[in-house]
N, C-alpha and C. Protein backbone atom coordinates (compact mmCIF):
# COMPACT_ATOMS: atom_id res chain seq x y z
N MET A 1 -19.84 -6.46 -5.12
CA MET A 1 -20.56 -5.35 -4.44
C MET A 1 -19.51 -4.55 -3.86
N PHE A 2 -19.42 -3.18 -3.94
CA PHE A 2 -18.62 -2.27 -3.54
C PHE A 2 -19.02 -1.71 -2.07
N HIS A 3 -18.32 -1.78 -0.97
CA HIS A 3 -18.65 -1.39 0.31
C HIS A 3 -17.58 -0.04 0.61
N PRO A 4 -18.15 1.01 0.56
CA PRO A 4 -17.20 2.16 0.98
C PRO A 4 -17.19 2.10 2.53
N ILE A 5 -15.98 2.49 3.08
CA ILE A 5 -15.91 2.76 4.64
C ILE A 5 -15.12 3.79 4.91
N ARG A 6 -15.24 4.18 6.05
CA ARG A 6 -14.31 5.20 6.91
C ARG A 6 -12.89 4.69 6.76
N PRO A 7 -12.06 5.41 6.27
CA PRO A 7 -10.66 5.03 5.95
C PRO A 7 -10.14 4.29 7.20
N VAL A 8 -9.59 3.07 6.94
CA VAL A 8 -8.79 2.35 7.72
C VAL A 8 -7.35 2.37 7.82
N ARG A 9 -6.44 2.58 8.48
CA ARG A 9 -5.19 2.79 8.34
C ARG A 9 -4.57 1.38 8.30
N ASN A 10 -4.23 1.00 7.22
CA ASN A 10 -3.61 -0.48 6.93
C ASN A 10 -2.12 -0.56 7.38
N SER A 11 -1.49 0.40 6.93
CA SER A 11 0.09 0.61 7.29
C SER A 11 0.51 1.71 7.47
N ASP A 12 1.59 2.04 8.21
CA ASP A 12 2.14 3.36 8.38
C ASP A 12 3.67 2.98 8.99
N THR A 13 4.75 3.44 8.30
CA THR A 13 5.99 3.03 8.74
C THR A 13 6.71 4.08 9.27
N ARG A 14 6.01 5.37 9.59
CA ARG A 14 6.49 6.54 10.23
C ARG A 14 6.89 6.09 11.79
N PRO A 15 7.76 6.77 12.47
CA PRO A 15 7.90 6.61 13.84
C PRO A 15 6.56 6.49 14.61
N GLY A 16 6.22 5.58 15.40
CA GLY A 16 5.09 5.25 16.01
C GLY A 16 4.13 4.34 15.43
N GLY A 17 4.28 4.21 14.09
CA GLY A 17 3.51 3.34 13.20
C GLY A 17 4.04 1.98 13.19
N TYR A 18 3.71 1.03 12.22
CA TYR A 18 4.29 -0.15 12.14
C TYR A 18 5.07 -0.34 10.74
N PRO A 19 6.32 -0.75 10.53
CA PRO A 19 7.20 -0.98 11.65
C PRO A 19 7.97 0.15 12.21
N GLY A 20 7.69 1.37 11.74
CA GLY A 20 8.29 2.66 12.37
C GLY A 20 9.56 2.93 11.73
N ILE A 21 9.91 2.42 10.72
CA ILE A 21 11.24 2.70 9.95
C ILE A 21 11.05 2.79 8.51
N PRO A 22 11.60 3.55 7.73
CA PRO A 22 11.40 3.67 6.13
C PRO A 22 11.69 2.22 5.75
N VAL A 23 10.99 1.99 4.62
CA VAL A 23 10.86 0.79 3.88
C VAL A 23 11.69 0.94 2.54
N GLY A 24 12.20 -0.16 2.28
CA GLY A 24 12.94 -0.44 0.86
C GLY A 24 14.37 0.00 0.91
N PRO A 25 14.91 -0.10 -0.19
CA PRO A 25 14.36 -0.60 -1.56
C PRO A 25 14.11 -2.01 -1.64
N GLY A 26 13.32 -2.36 -2.25
CA GLY A 26 12.99 -3.85 -2.39
C GLY A 26 11.46 -4.29 -2.21
N ASP A 27 11.18 -5.51 -2.21
CA ASP A 27 9.99 -6.18 -2.13
C ASP A 27 9.63 -6.41 -0.76
N MET A 28 8.45 -6.26 -0.36
CA MET A 28 7.92 -6.70 0.82
C MET A 28 6.60 -7.36 0.81
N VAL A 29 6.07 -8.17 1.70
CA VAL A 29 4.66 -8.80 1.71
C VAL A 29 4.11 -8.11 2.91
N TRP A 30 2.82 -7.33 2.77
CA TRP A 30 2.03 -6.81 3.83
C TRP A 30 0.79 -7.57 3.96
N GLY A 31 0.21 -7.65 5.13
CA GLY A 31 -1.01 -8.14 5.33
C GLY A 31 -2.20 -7.09 5.49
N LEU A 32 -3.33 -7.43 5.01
CA LEU A 32 -4.64 -6.56 5.08
C LEU A 32 -5.13 -6.36 6.51
N SER A 33 -5.56 -5.31 6.75
CA SER A 33 -6.02 -5.07 8.14
C SER A 33 -7.28 -6.04 8.53
N ASP A 34 -7.24 -6.37 9.82
CA ASP A 34 -8.29 -7.32 10.40
C ASP A 34 -9.50 -6.63 10.21
N GLN A 35 -9.75 -5.32 10.03
CA GLN A 35 -11.06 -4.73 9.88
C GLN A 35 -11.52 -5.06 8.36
N ILE A 36 -10.76 -5.51 7.61
CA ILE A 36 -11.34 -5.85 6.16
C ILE A 36 -11.80 -7.31 6.13
N PRO A 37 -13.23 -7.56 5.87
CA PRO A 37 -13.82 -8.78 5.90
C PRO A 37 -12.79 -9.80 5.23
N ALA A 38 -13.01 -11.12 5.58
CA ALA A 38 -12.21 -12.14 4.97
C ALA A 38 -12.71 -12.54 3.56
N ASP A 39 -14.09 -12.13 3.20
CA ASP A 39 -14.56 -12.41 1.91
C ASP A 39 -14.42 -11.24 0.89
N ALA A 40 -13.47 -10.32 1.22
CA ALA A 40 -13.09 -9.22 0.38
C ALA A 40 -12.14 -9.71 -0.67
N VAL A 41 -12.64 -9.44 -1.97
CA VAL A 41 -11.87 -9.86 -3.21
C VAL A 41 -10.95 -8.67 -3.79
N ALA A 42 -11.29 -7.59 -3.48
CA ALA A 42 -10.49 -6.28 -3.79
C ALA A 42 -10.63 -5.37 -2.75
N VAL A 43 -9.73 -4.40 -2.76
CA VAL A 43 -9.80 -3.19 -1.87
C VAL A 43 -9.62 -1.92 -2.71
N ALA A 44 -10.03 -0.84 -2.10
CA ALA A 44 -9.57 0.56 -2.69
C ALA A 44 -8.73 1.12 -1.67
N MET A 45 -7.66 1.59 -2.14
CA MET A 45 -6.58 2.10 -1.06
C MET A 45 -5.93 3.49 -1.46
N ASN A 46 -5.62 4.19 -0.63
CA ASN A 46 -4.69 5.48 -0.83
C ASN A 46 -3.33 5.09 -0.39
N VAL A 47 -2.31 5.23 -1.21
CA VAL A 47 -0.99 5.03 -0.94
C VAL A 47 -0.20 6.19 -0.97
N VAL A 48 0.64 6.48 0.27
CA VAL A 48 1.20 7.80 0.34
C VAL A 48 2.79 7.37 0.66
N ALA A 49 3.80 8.19 -0.07
CA ALA A 49 5.17 7.90 0.18
C ALA A 49 5.70 9.18 0.65
N ILE A 50 6.27 9.28 1.93
CA ILE A 50 6.78 10.51 2.42
C ILE A 50 8.26 10.42 2.89
N SER A 51 8.98 11.31 3.12
CA SER A 51 10.33 11.29 3.51
C SER A 51 11.14 10.51 2.80
N THR A 52 10.93 10.67 1.36
CA THR A 52 11.61 9.65 0.43
C THR A 52 13.20 10.11 0.44
N ALA A 53 14.08 9.07 0.01
CA ALA A 53 15.40 9.30 0.12
C ALA A 53 15.99 9.48 -1.38
N GLY A 54 15.05 9.96 -2.14
CA GLY A 54 15.66 10.31 -3.57
C GLY A 54 14.32 9.97 -4.45
N ASP A 55 14.61 10.31 -5.77
CA ASP A 55 13.61 9.86 -6.72
C ASP A 55 13.22 8.40 -6.77
N GLY A 56 12.02 8.13 -6.94
CA GLY A 56 11.63 6.64 -7.01
C GLY A 56 9.98 6.41 -7.12
N TYR A 57 9.70 5.31 -6.70
CA TYR A 57 8.45 4.97 -7.05
C TYR A 57 7.88 3.93 -6.23
N VAL A 58 6.59 3.59 -6.01
CA VAL A 58 6.07 2.67 -5.14
C VAL A 58 5.07 1.69 -6.12
N ALA A 59 5.21 0.44 -6.14
CA ALA A 59 4.37 -0.57 -6.71
C ALA A 59 3.64 -1.21 -5.75
N VAL A 60 2.34 -1.73 -6.08
CA VAL A 60 1.62 -2.44 -4.97
C VAL A 60 0.81 -3.55 -5.91
N TRP A 61 0.90 -4.83 -5.56
CA TRP A 61 0.24 -5.99 -6.37
C TRP A 61 -0.28 -6.99 -5.34
N PRO A 62 -1.36 -7.71 -5.83
CA PRO A 62 -1.89 -8.68 -4.98
C PRO A 62 -1.22 -10.03 -4.74
N GLY A 63 0.02 -10.27 -5.33
CA GLY A 63 0.59 -11.58 -5.01
C GLY A 63 1.32 -11.93 -6.34
N GLY A 64 2.04 -13.04 -6.16
CA GLY A 64 2.97 -13.35 -7.37
C GLY A 64 4.05 -12.51 -7.73
N PRO A 65 4.56 -12.53 -8.98
CA PRO A 65 5.69 -11.59 -9.34
C PRO A 65 5.23 -10.20 -9.39
N ARG A 66 6.08 -9.23 -8.99
CA ARG A 66 5.77 -7.88 -9.06
C ARG A 66 5.49 -7.17 -10.36
N THR A 67 4.55 -6.48 -10.37
CA THR A 67 4.07 -5.59 -11.47
C THR A 67 5.06 -4.62 -11.84
N ASN A 68 5.03 -4.32 -13.14
CA ASN A 68 5.87 -3.16 -13.74
C ASN A 68 5.15 -1.74 -13.74
N THR A 69 3.96 -1.63 -13.01
CA THR A 69 3.34 -0.41 -12.96
C THR A 69 3.44 0.14 -11.59
N SER A 70 3.84 1.33 -11.53
CA SER A 70 3.66 2.05 -10.21
C SER A 70 2.45 2.52 -9.83
N VAL A 71 2.34 2.75 -8.48
CA VAL A 71 1.12 3.46 -7.99
C VAL A 71 1.49 4.93 -7.53
N VAL A 72 2.72 4.90 -7.01
CA VAL A 72 3.01 6.38 -6.86
C VAL A 72 4.48 6.66 -7.16
N ASN A 73 4.70 7.81 -7.96
CA ASN A 73 6.08 8.22 -8.26
C ASN A 73 6.32 9.54 -7.42
N TYR A 74 7.58 9.44 -6.86
CA TYR A 74 8.04 10.48 -6.04
C TYR A 74 9.40 11.12 -6.39
N GLN A 75 9.64 12.38 -5.99
CA GLN A 75 10.87 12.93 -6.47
C GLN A 75 11.59 13.62 -5.09
N GLY A 76 12.88 13.34 -5.07
CA GLY A 76 13.65 13.85 -3.89
C GLY A 76 13.10 13.54 -2.37
N ASP A 77 13.29 14.30 -1.56
CA ASP A 77 12.97 14.17 -0.19
C ASP A 77 11.51 14.93 -0.20
N GLY A 78 10.52 14.45 -0.53
CA GLY A 78 9.17 15.00 -0.48
C GLY A 78 8.18 13.92 -0.03
N LYS A 79 6.79 14.21 -0.79
CA LYS A 79 5.90 13.39 -0.44
C LYS A 79 5.12 13.17 -1.71
N ALA A 80 4.40 12.10 -1.97
CA ALA A 80 3.59 11.83 -3.05
C ALA A 80 2.58 10.77 -2.71
N TYR A 81 1.21 10.89 -3.36
CA TYR A 81 0.12 9.88 -3.21
C TYR A 81 -0.71 9.71 -4.10
N ASN A 82 -1.43 8.62 -4.21
CA ASN A 82 -2.21 8.15 -5.16
C ASN A 82 -3.29 7.16 -4.59
N GLY A 83 -4.54 7.16 -5.40
CA GLY A 83 -5.43 6.13 -4.97
C GLY A 83 -5.19 4.98 -5.89
N SER A 84 -5.67 3.75 -5.45
CA SER A 84 -5.46 2.59 -6.20
C SER A 84 -6.49 1.51 -5.81
N MET A 85 -6.82 0.72 -6.87
CA MET A 85 -7.59 -0.37 -6.57
C MET A 85 -6.79 -1.66 -6.74
N LEU A 86 -6.75 -2.65 -5.60
CA LEU A 86 -6.14 -3.82 -5.76
C LEU A 86 -7.09 -5.17 -5.65
N THR A 87 -6.82 -5.86 -6.88
CA THR A 87 -7.88 -7.00 -6.90
C THR A 87 -6.96 -8.21 -6.59
N GLY A 88 -7.80 -9.23 -6.16
CA GLY A 88 -7.13 -10.55 -5.85
C GLY A 88 -6.54 -10.54 -4.45
N VAL A 89 -7.10 -9.99 -3.47
CA VAL A 89 -6.64 -10.08 -1.99
C VAL A 89 -7.13 -11.07 -1.39
N MET A 90 -7.63 -12.30 -2.02
CA MET A 90 -8.16 -13.35 -1.27
C MET A 90 -7.32 -14.01 -0.15
N ASN A 91 -6.07 -13.82 -0.28
CA ASN A 91 -4.80 -14.34 0.48
C ASN A 91 -4.55 -13.32 1.74
N ARG A 92 -5.36 -12.39 1.74
CA ARG A 92 -5.12 -11.25 2.82
C ARG A 92 -3.86 -10.80 2.96
N SER A 93 -3.26 -10.58 1.75
CA SER A 93 -1.82 -10.04 1.73
C SER A 93 -1.64 -9.39 0.29
N PHE A 94 -0.48 -8.49 0.35
CA PHE A 94 -0.13 -7.83 -0.86
C PHE A 94 1.22 -7.58 -1.01
N GLY A 95 1.80 -7.41 -2.07
CA GLY A 95 3.25 -7.05 -2.34
C GLY A 95 3.44 -5.62 -2.46
N ILE A 96 4.57 -5.06 -2.02
CA ILE A 96 4.84 -3.74 -2.07
C ILE A 96 6.18 -3.55 -2.48
N TYR A 97 6.63 -2.50 -3.20
CA TYR A 97 8.05 -2.33 -3.77
C TYR A 97 8.19 -0.92 -3.63
N THR A 98 9.45 -0.56 -2.97
CA THR A 98 9.86 1.02 -2.93
C THR A 98 11.27 0.97 -3.72
N HIS A 99 11.36 1.79 -4.76
CA HIS A 99 12.64 2.05 -5.32
C HIS A 99 13.84 2.53 -4.51
N THR A 100 13.36 3.51 -3.67
CA THR A 100 14.30 4.29 -2.72
C THR A 100 13.75 3.93 -1.31
N PRO A 101 14.29 4.11 -0.17
CA PRO A 101 13.72 4.11 1.10
C PRO A 101 12.78 5.25 1.27
N ALA A 102 11.71 4.94 1.90
CA ALA A 102 10.43 5.86 2.08
C ALA A 102 9.69 5.45 3.21
N HIS A 103 8.94 6.33 3.78
CA HIS A 103 7.95 5.87 4.75
C HIS A 103 6.76 5.83 3.81
N ILE A 104 5.83 4.76 4.18
CA ILE A 104 4.58 4.42 3.46
C ILE A 104 3.57 4.36 4.29
N ILE A 105 2.38 4.99 3.95
CA ILE A 105 1.09 4.91 4.66
C ILE A 105 0.09 4.42 3.71
N ILE A 106 -0.53 3.42 4.17
CA ILE A 106 -1.81 2.83 3.17
C ILE A 106 -3.07 2.98 3.99
N ASP A 107 -4.10 3.50 3.45
CA ASP A 107 -5.34 3.50 4.10
C ASP A 107 -6.44 2.84 3.02
N ILE A 108 -7.18 2.05 3.62
CA ILE A 108 -8.11 1.24 2.94
C ILE A 108 -9.45 2.09 2.97
N THR A 109 -10.03 2.29 1.81
CA THR A 109 -11.18 3.25 1.84
C THR A 109 -12.30 2.50 1.44
N GLY A 110 -12.32 1.25 1.10
CA GLY A 110 -13.48 0.44 0.65
C GLY A 110 -12.99 -1.01 0.20
N TYR A 111 -13.86 -1.75 0.00
CA TYR A 111 -13.61 -3.11 -0.31
C TYR A 111 -14.85 -3.58 -1.30
N TRP A 112 -14.41 -4.69 -2.05
CA TRP A 112 -15.36 -5.45 -3.00
C TRP A 112 -15.69 -6.85 -2.35
N THR A 113 -16.91 -7.38 -2.45
CA THR A 113 -17.21 -8.86 -2.11
C THR A 113 -17.79 -9.41 -3.30
N PRO A 114 -17.85 -10.55 -3.50
CA PRO A 114 -18.72 -11.23 -4.63
C PRO A 114 -20.16 -11.08 -4.54
């Protein structure tokens, strides 16, 4: 069952956010906000890349090996955003990859339960 929610800021690497520095390039593991119930099996999210350090992309996946599919593609020192559904979040974490350094903002807009 899908539960739409008022957007919850899960991650924000801009100054004043967490961790407050650009991320990447490379793989990282981030946790889900405590505001998302433990029985959630998938989440709807908006992913934003800003202050990018060149052309690149962001990939997000529920765990295991990184996927070859990007969620956001960006050009130069700009911003790009997209919505995504992430399944398989039972372990309360997800992988994120940035091709070039960028600030990343992730808002959760809903979740699914069994």
